[in-house]
Amino acid sequence: MIDDNHIADYTPEQIKNYVLNIGYINENSLVKVLYKNEAKIFKMSTFMANEKTVTRKWYILDAANKPLGETAAQAAVLLRGKHKTDYTPHVDCGDFVIVINAAKAVLTGNKLNQKYYRTHSGYVGGLKEVQYKTLMATKPEFAMQLAVKGMLPHNKIGDASITRLKVYAGAEHKQQAQQPVPYTVD
């Protein structure tokens, strides 16, 4: 037990090991506290992630027989990093996400017939519409990527996050070397 009144008698390494063992503070916050020579050991500082402290994992989401939007929302949370305890809004701290079986994702209600993907060239008469029934039959990967992109912030962080999304129509993917972990919602 380290006494607050005699903190000067202990080395920073002893204090660090003690506080980490009892689990009051994470290592990055502890180092900040020790270098600022704070008198209290347990003074917590807000941890702000940066590019150097971010660790990225690989997750697999299976979209088979699940709503397209539900799977896209889970992927957006993982890509953004909001599931992490050290989430920082202004830092891209998300993980890599592999979505498999995108062709087997379902659209609830009558969206398959009523929903359209629309693009416009900017010229007169340049509107192009594709029904989601056709889009899911021909390009299910694009439909999933479009849904995820709409759930990410529309800025540099969202642009960086969407590059970590890998979508496959079938159950096979090319990222076995990264040893991805299946993600389940608790």
Protein backbone atom coordinates (compact mmCIF):
# COMPACT_ATOMS: atom_id res chain seq x y z
CA MET A 1 0.00 0.00 0.00
CA ILE A 2 1.39 3.38 -0.99
CA ASP A 3 0.70 6.24 1.35
CA ASP A 4 -0.22 9.60 -0.22
CA ASN A 5 1.64 11.54 2.47
CA HIS A 6 4.94 9.77 1.72
CA ILE A 7 4.69 9.65 -2.06
CA ALA A 8 8.17 11.15 -2.45
CA ASP A 9 9.67 7.98 -0.90
CA TYR A 10 8.57 5.84 -3.85
CA THR A 11 9.99 5.69 -7.35
CA PRO A 12 7.69 6.43 -10.29
CA GLU A 13 8.04 2.79 -11.37
CA GLN A 14 6.79 1.54 -7.96
CA ILE A 15 3.82 3.89 -8.09
CA LYS A 16 3.05 2.88 -11.67
CA ASN A 17 3.10 -0.84 -10.84
CA TYR A 18 0.95 -0.36 -7.75
CA VAL A 19 -1.72 1.69 -9.50
CA LEU A 20 -1.83 -0.59 -12.55
CA ASN A 21 -2.18 -3.69 -10.35
CA ILE A 22 -5.19 -2.34 -8.47
CA GLY A 23 -6.76 -1.19 -11.75
CA TYR A 24 -7.60 2.42 -10.97
CA ILE A 25 -6.08 4.01 -14.02
CA ASN A 26 -4.76 3.01 -17.42
CA GLU A 27 -1.05 3.16 -18.20
CA ASN A 28 -1.18 6.23 -20.48
CA SER A 29 -3.02 8.36 -17.93
CA LEU A 30 -0.70 7.22 -15.16
CA VAL A 31 2.40 8.26 -17.08
CA LYS A 32 0.91 11.74 -17.57
CA VAL A 33 0.17 12.05 -13.87
CA LEU A 34 3.66 10.97 -12.85
CA TYR A 35 5.45 13.31 -15.23
CA LYS A 36 3.40 16.25 -14.04
CA ASN A 37 4.54 15.43 -10.48
CA GLU A 38 1.04 15.38 -9.09
CA ALA A 39 0.80 14.87 -5.32
CA LYS A 40 -2.08 12.35 -5.55
CA ILE A 41 -1.67 8.94 -7.08
CA PHE A 42 -5.32 8.37 -7.90
CA LYS A 43 -5.97 11.62 -9.66
CA MET A 44 -7.52 10.56 -12.95
CA SER A 45 -6.94 12.50 -16.11
CA THR A 46 -9.09 12.14 -19.19
CA PHE A 47 -7.39 9.89 -21.70
CA MET A 48 -7.26 11.30 -25.21
CA ALA A 49 -6.24 8.84 -27.91
CA ASN A 50 -3.96 9.84 -30.74
CA GLU A 51 -2.59 8.08 -33.81
CA LYS A 52 0.28 6.54 -31.82
CA THR A 53 -1.91 5.01 -29.09
CA VAL A 54 -4.60 3.54 -31.36
CA THR A 55 -4.55 -0.23 -31.73
CA ARG A 56 -6.68 -1.72 -34.48
CA LYS A 57 -8.27 -5.17 -34.53
CA TRP A 58 -9.99 -7.09 -37.32
CA TYR A 59 -13.63 -8.12 -36.92
CA ILE A 60 -15.96 -10.21 -39.09
CA LEU A 61 -19.66 -9.44 -39.36
CA ASP A 62 -21.94 -12.04 -40.92
CA ALA A 63 -24.85 -10.36 -42.72
CA ALA A 64 -26.70 -13.58 -43.60
CA ASN A 65 -30.44 -13.29 -42.84
CA LYS A 66 -29.95 -10.01 -40.93
CA PRO A 67 -31.35 -6.62 -41.92
CA LEU A 68 -29.00 -4.61 -44.11
CA GLY A 69 -29.31 -1.52 -41.90
CA GLU A 70 -28.66 -3.40 -38.67
CA THR A 71 -25.46 -4.93 -40.01
CA ALA A 72 -24.40 -1.55 -41.44
CA ALA A 73 -24.98 0.13 -38.07
CA GLN A 74 -22.81 -2.46 -36.28
CA ALA A 75 -20.09 -2.00 -38.90
CA ALA A 76 -20.23 1.80 -38.54
CA VAL A 77 -19.79 1.55 -34.75
CA LEU A 78 -16.76 -0.72 -35.17
CA LEU A 79 -15.23 1.43 -37.91
CA ARG A 80 -15.67 4.55 -35.80
CA GLY A 81 -14.28 2.94 -32.63
CA LYS A 82 -17.27 3.79 -30.45
CA HIS A 83 -17.20 0.34 -28.85
CA LYS A 84 -13.83 1.10 -27.25
CA THR A 85 -13.36 2.59 -23.80
CA ASP A 86 -10.70 4.98 -25.08
CA TYR A 87 -12.91 6.39 -27.87
CA THR A 88 -11.94 9.94 -28.79
CA PRO A 89 -14.27 11.79 -31.19
CA HIS A 90 -11.60 13.77 -33.06
CA VAL A 91 -9.29 10.76 -33.65
CA ASP A 92 -9.79 7.91 -36.08
CA CYS A 93 -9.59 5.06 -33.55
CA GLY A 94 -11.79 2.46 -35.23
CA ASP A 95 -11.08 -1.11 -36.22
CA PHE A 96 -11.07 -3.05 -39.49
CA VAL A 97 -14.38 -4.69 -40.42
CA ILE A 98 -15.03 -7.55 -42.85
CA VAL A 99 -18.67 -8.05 -43.83
CA ILE A 100 -19.40 -11.45 -45.32
CA ASN A 101 -22.60 -12.81 -46.92
CA ALA A 102 -23.72 -9.35 -48.06
CA ALA A 103 -25.82 -10.99 -50.78
CA LYS A 104 -27.87 -12.76 -48.08
CA ALA A 105 -28.68 -9.55 -46.18
CA VAL A 106 -32.40 -8.75 -46.16
CA LEU A 107 -34.31 -5.52 -46.54
CA THR A 108 -37.31 -5.34 -44.23
CA GLY A 109 -40.76 -4.24 -45.24
CA ASN A 110 -41.29 -3.41 -48.89
CA LYS A 111 -37.95 -1.63 -49.31
CA LEU A 112 -36.77 -4.10 -51.92
CA ASN A 113 -39.38 -2.69 -54.33
CA GLN A 114 -39.83 0.88 -53.03
CA LYS A 115 -36.26 1.97 -52.28
CA TYR A 116 -34.08 3.37 -55.07
CA TYR A 117 -30.41 4.25 -55.37
CA ARG A 118 -30.25 7.55 -57.24
CA THR A 119 -27.32 9.32 -58.87
CA HIS A 120 -27.27 12.49 -60.92
CA SER A 121 -24.62 13.51 -63.43
CA GLY A 122 -25.31 17.22 -62.98
CA TYR A 123 -26.61 17.61 -66.51
CA VAL A 124 -30.23 18.02 -67.55
CA GLY A 125 -31.90 14.61 -67.63
CA GLY A 126 -28.93 13.01 -65.92
CA LEU A 127 -30.87 11.26 -63.13
CA LYS A 128 -30.28 7.52 -62.90
CA GLU A 129 -32.33 5.29 -60.62
CA VAL A 130 -31.70 1.67 -59.69
CA GLN A 131 -34.24 -0.28 -57.67
CA TYR A 132 -32.77 -2.00 -54.60
CA LYS A 133 -34.09 -5.35 -55.87
CA THR A 134 -31.75 -4.97 -58.86
CA LEU A 135 -28.92 -3.51 -56.79
CA MET A 136 -28.98 -6.36 -54.24
CA ALA A 137 -29.06 -8.92 -57.07
CA THR A 138 -26.16 -7.39 -59.04
CA LYS A 139 -23.97 -5.50 -56.53
CA PRO A 140 -24.75 -6.47 -52.91
CA GLU A 141 -21.27 -5.31 -51.78
CA PHE A 142 -21.99 -1.80 -53.07
CA ALA A 143 -25.38 -1.70 -51.31
CA MET A 144 -23.77 -2.63 -47.98
CA GLN A 145 -20.92 -0.16 -48.43
CA LEU A 146 -23.39 2.58 -49.29
CA ALA A 147 -25.41 1.88 -46.14
CA VAL A 148 -22.31 1.93 -43.91
CA LYS A 149 -20.96 5.11 -45.52
CA GLY A 150 -24.22 6.90 -44.80
CA MET A 151 -23.83 6.05 -41.09
CA LEU A 152 -20.31 7.44 -40.79
CA PRO A 153 -19.48 11.12 -40.31
CA HIS A 154 -19.16 13.03 -43.57
CA ASN A 155 -15.65 14.39 -43.01
CA LYS A 156 -11.99 13.25 -43.09
CA ILE A 157 -12.51 10.76 -40.28
CA GLY A 158 -15.43 9.14 -42.10
CA ASP A 159 -13.41 8.99 -45.33
CA ALA A 160 -10.53 7.28 -43.50
CA SER A 161 -12.91 4.91 -41.69
CA ILE A 162 -14.66 3.65 -44.82
CA THR A 163 -11.32 2.50 -46.28
CA ARG A 164 -11.09 -0.10 -43.47
CA LEU A 165 -14.37 -1.74 -44.56
CA LYS A 166 -14.10 -4.91 -46.66
CA VAL A 167 -17.38 -6.31 -48.03
CA TYR A 168 -17.86 -9.70 -49.70
CA ALA A 169 -21.03 -11.14 -51.25
CA GLY A 170 -20.20 -14.70 -50.18
CA ALA A 171 -18.78 -16.37 -47.09
CA GLU A 172 -15.15 -16.32 -48.31
CA HIS A 173 -12.82 -13.37 -47.69
CA LYS A 174 -9.15 -12.57 -48.42
CA GLN A 175 -8.09 -11.39 -44.95
CA GLN A 176 -7.28 -14.71 -43.25
CA ALA A 177 -3.71 -13.53 -42.60
CA GLN A 178 -5.02 -10.77 -40.29
CA GLN A 179 -6.75 -13.40 -38.10
CA PRO A 180 -10.10 -11.59 -37.82
CA VAL A 181 -12.40 -12.30 -34.88
CA PRO A 182 -16.17 -12.83 -35.34
CA TYR A 183 -18.05 -9.93 -33.73
CA THR A 184 -21.16 -10.74 -31.74
CA VAL A 185 -23.53 -8.25 -30.17
CA ASP A 186 -24.08 -8.94 -26.47
